C-alpha cells in the first residue's frame, strides 16, 4: 500500500480473517486506503468459488458442499434462538465430519471485528471454516445472527 498508494482496495469476504487483518493493519498504520469487503461468490450448488475447486474429484464435490450446509445449519439454529457457540460449532462439525474424506482444520464462531472466539452469540458473529477435502484445503464463512448465511 505504501508503494502504490491506492485509495481503495477490495478483498473477498471468503477469506474473512485476511480481510479483517488488512482492515486492522490500515487503521493501526494510519494508511490512507479504504478497505472494502467483496461478497463471496458461490457456484450454483452453494460451494464458495475458488481456484482450488478444480482439484476436487467429482465424488468429493458433495463432501465439499458440507461446508455450505454447515453454515446454513448454523444460521437456522441462530434464527431459531440458539445462542451457544458450542452447540452451533458441534452441529457444523457433525455435518462436515459425516464425510470421511473431510479433515477439519478449524470450525470457530468468532467476533467479526476481533476474530476472537465467542462462547455465546450476543450480537453478530462469524462462523469460520477450514476443511481439507482429500487434501484440497477449502475455507468458507458466514455471518451468523439469524439471517441468511449467504447475504
Protein backbone atom coordinates (compact mmCIF):
# COMPACT_ATOMS: atom_id res chain seq x y z
CA UNK A 1 0.00 0.00 0.00
CA UNK A 2 2.84 2.39 0.81
CA UNK A 3 4.49 1.85 -2.59
CA UNK A 4 1.36 2.01 -4.75
CA UNK A 5 -0.71 4.43 -2.61
CA UNK A 6 -4.18 3.18 -3.60
CA UNK A 7 -7.27 4.97 -2.34
CA UNK A 8 -9.31 1.78 -2.41
CA UNK A 9 -8.53 -1.92 -2.02
CA UNK A 10 -11.01 -4.75 -2.49
CA UNK A 11 -10.70 -8.02 -0.55
CA UNK A 12 -13.03 -11.00 -0.78
CA UNK A 13 -15.07 -11.92 2.28
CA UNK A 14 -14.37 -15.60 1.54
CA UNK A 15 -11.11 -15.18 3.43
CA UNK A 16 -12.76 -13.14 6.17
CA UNK A 17 -9.80 -13.38 8.54
CA UNK A 18 -7.45 -11.89 5.94
CA UNK A 19 -9.95 -9.10 5.28
CA UNK A 20 -10.15 -8.22 8.97
CA UNK A 21 -6.37 -8.34 9.44
CA UNK A 22 -5.88 -5.97 6.50
CA UNK A 23 -8.59 -3.65 7.82
CA UNK A 24 -6.91 -3.56 11.21
CA UNK A 25 -3.47 -3.04 9.67
CA UNK A 26 -4.64 0.02 7.73
CA UNK A 27 -6.04 1.54 10.93
CA UNK A 28 -3.01 0.68 13.06
CA UNK A 29 -0.58 2.05 10.47
CA UNK A 30 -2.82 5.03 9.64
CA UNK A 31 -2.81 4.14 5.95
CA UNK A 32 -4.96 6.31 3.72
CA UNK A 33 -6.71 3.46 1.92
CA UNK A 34 -10.32 2.31 2.13
CA UNK A 35 -10.65 -1.46 2.51
CA UNK A 36 -13.86 -2.86 1.03
CA UNK A 37 -15.07 -6.40 1.56
CA UNK A 38 -16.50 -8.09 -1.52
CA UNK A 39 -19.21 -10.69 -1.04
CA UNK A 40 -18.29 -14.34 -1.55
CA UNK A 41 -19.30 -15.61 -4.98
CA UNK A 42 -20.88 -19.05 -4.94
CA UNK A 43 -21.38 -21.71 -7.53
CA UNK A 44 -24.97 -22.72 -8.31
CA UNK A 45 -24.86 -25.52 -5.71
CA UNK A 46 -23.63 -23.19 -2.94
CA UNK A 47 -19.92 -24.03 -2.93
CA UNK A 48 -17.80 -20.90 -2.48
CA UNK A 49 -15.95 -20.20 -5.71
CA UNK A 50 -12.24 -20.89 -5.50
CA UNK A 51 -9.46 -21.80 -7.88
CA UNK A 52 -8.92 -24.81 -5.58
CA UNK A 53 -12.30 -26.30 -6.52
CA UNK A 54 -10.74 -27.74 -9.71
CA UNK A 55 -8.69 -30.07 -7.50
CA UNK A 56 -11.82 -31.72 -6.12
CA UNK A 57 -12.55 -35.14 -7.55
CA UNK A 58 -16.14 -35.46 -8.81
CA UNK A 59 -17.04 -37.79 -5.94
CA UNK A 60 -15.67 -35.25 -3.42
CA UNK A 61 -17.98 -32.44 -4.52
CA UNK A 62 -20.72 -33.48 -2.09
CA UNK A 63 -18.18 -33.60 0.74
CA UNK A 64 -17.07 -30.07 -0.16
CA UNK A 65 -20.68 -28.91 -0.09
CA UNK A 66 -20.82 -29.89 3.57
CA UNK A 67 -19.17 -26.53 4.33
CA UNK A 68 -22.06 -24.51 2.93
CA UNK A 69 -24.56 -26.90 4.51
CA UNK A 70 -22.84 -26.44 7.89
CA UNK A 71 -23.06 -22.66 7.51
CA UNK A 72 -26.72 -22.93 6.59
CA UNK A 73 -27.45 -25.12 9.61
CA UNK A 74 -25.70 -22.65 11.92
CA UNK A 75 -27.83 -19.86 10.54
CA UNK A 76 -31.01 -21.89 11.02
CA UNK A 77 -30.05 -22.61 14.60
CA UNK A 78 -29.48 -18.95 15.45
CA UNK A 79 -32.70 -17.98 13.69
CA UNK A 80 -34.46 -20.48 15.97
CA UNK A 81 -32.90 -18.84 19.03
CA UNK A 82 -29.74 -20.89 19.67
CA UNK A 83 -27.00 -18.71 21.16
CA UNK A 84 -24.48 -21.28 22.41
CA UNK A 85 -21.32 -21.26 20.30
CA UNK A 86 -20.54 -24.80 21.45
CA UNK A 87 -23.89 -26.09 20.17
CA UNK A 88 -23.54 -24.30 16.84
CA UNK A 89 -19.94 -25.43 16.31
CA UNK A 90 -20.87 -29.01 17.27
CA UNK A 91 -23.70 -29.08 14.71
CA UNK A 92 -21.45 -27.65 11.99
CA UNK A 93 -18.69 -30.16 12.78
CA UNK A 94 -21.15 -33.07 12.64
CA UNK A 95 -22.26 -32.10 9.13
CA UNK A 96 -18.67 -31.80 7.91
CA UNK A 97 -17.45 -34.94 9.71
CA UNK A 98 -20.19 -37.02 8.07
CA UNK A 99 -17.79 -37.28 5.12
CA UNK A 100 -14.71 -39.40 5.84
CA UNK A 101 -12.66 -37.54 3.22
CA UNK A 102 -13.07 -34.29 5.18
CA UNK A 103 -10.39 -33.28 7.64
CA UNK A 104 -11.36 -30.26 9.72
CA UNK A 105 -8.64 -27.72 10.33
CA UNK A 106 -10.99 -25.47 12.31
CA UNK A 107 -14.62 -24.60 12.92
CA UNK A 108 -14.86 -21.45 15.00
CA UNK A 109 -17.53 -18.96 15.93
CA UNK A 110 -15.80 -15.62 16.26
CA UNK A 111 -16.36 -11.95 16.85
CA UNK A 112 -16.29 -10.36 13.36
CA UNK A 113 -14.05 -7.47 14.43
CA UNK A 114 -11.53 -9.08 16.79
CA UNK A 115 -11.72 -12.64 15.40
CA UNK A 116 -11.67 -13.90 18.99
CA UNK A 117 -13.83 -16.94 19.56
CA UNK A 118 -17.12 -16.29 21.34
CA UNK A 119 -18.87 -18.53 23.86
CA UNK A 120 -22.33 -17.33 23.01
CA UNK A 121 -23.88 -15.07 20.42
CA UNK A 122 -24.85 -11.69 21.83
CA UNK A 123 -24.55 -9.86 18.51
CA UNK A 124 -23.39 -10.66 15.01
CA UNK A 125 -20.72 -13.36 14.83
CA UNK A 126 -18.86 -15.17 12.06
CA UNK A 127 -18.67 -18.92 11.63
CA UNK A 128 -15.25 -19.63 10.16
CA UNK A 129 -14.41 -22.95 8.49
CA UNK A 130 -11.26 -24.51 7.07
CA UNK A 131 -11.54 -28.09 5.84
CA UNK A 132 -9.30 -30.30 3.71
CA UNK A 133 -11.29 -32.48 1.34
CA UNK A 134 -8.85 -35.25 0.37
CA UNK A 135 -6.00 -32.74 0.60
CA UNK A 136 -7.74 -29.77 -1.02
CA UNK A 137 -7.99 -27.01 1.58
CA UNK A 138 -11.26 -25.11 1.42
CA UNK A 139 -12.30 -22.13 3.50
CA UNK A 140 -15.69 -20.54 3.96
CA UNK A 141 -17.53 -18.41 6.46
CA UNK A 142 -20.86 -16.77 7.11
CA UNK A 143 -22.35 -14.01 9.15
CA UNK A 144 -24.34 -15.66 11.91
CA UNK A 145 -27.22 -13.90 13.60
CA UNK A 146 -30.46 -15.32 12.36
CA UNK A 147 -30.08 -14.10 8.78
CA UNK A 148 -29.48 -15.93 5.54
CA UNK A 149 -25.81 -17.05 5.72
CA UNK A 150 -25.12 -16.07 2.13
CA UNK A 151 -26.32 -12.47 2.39
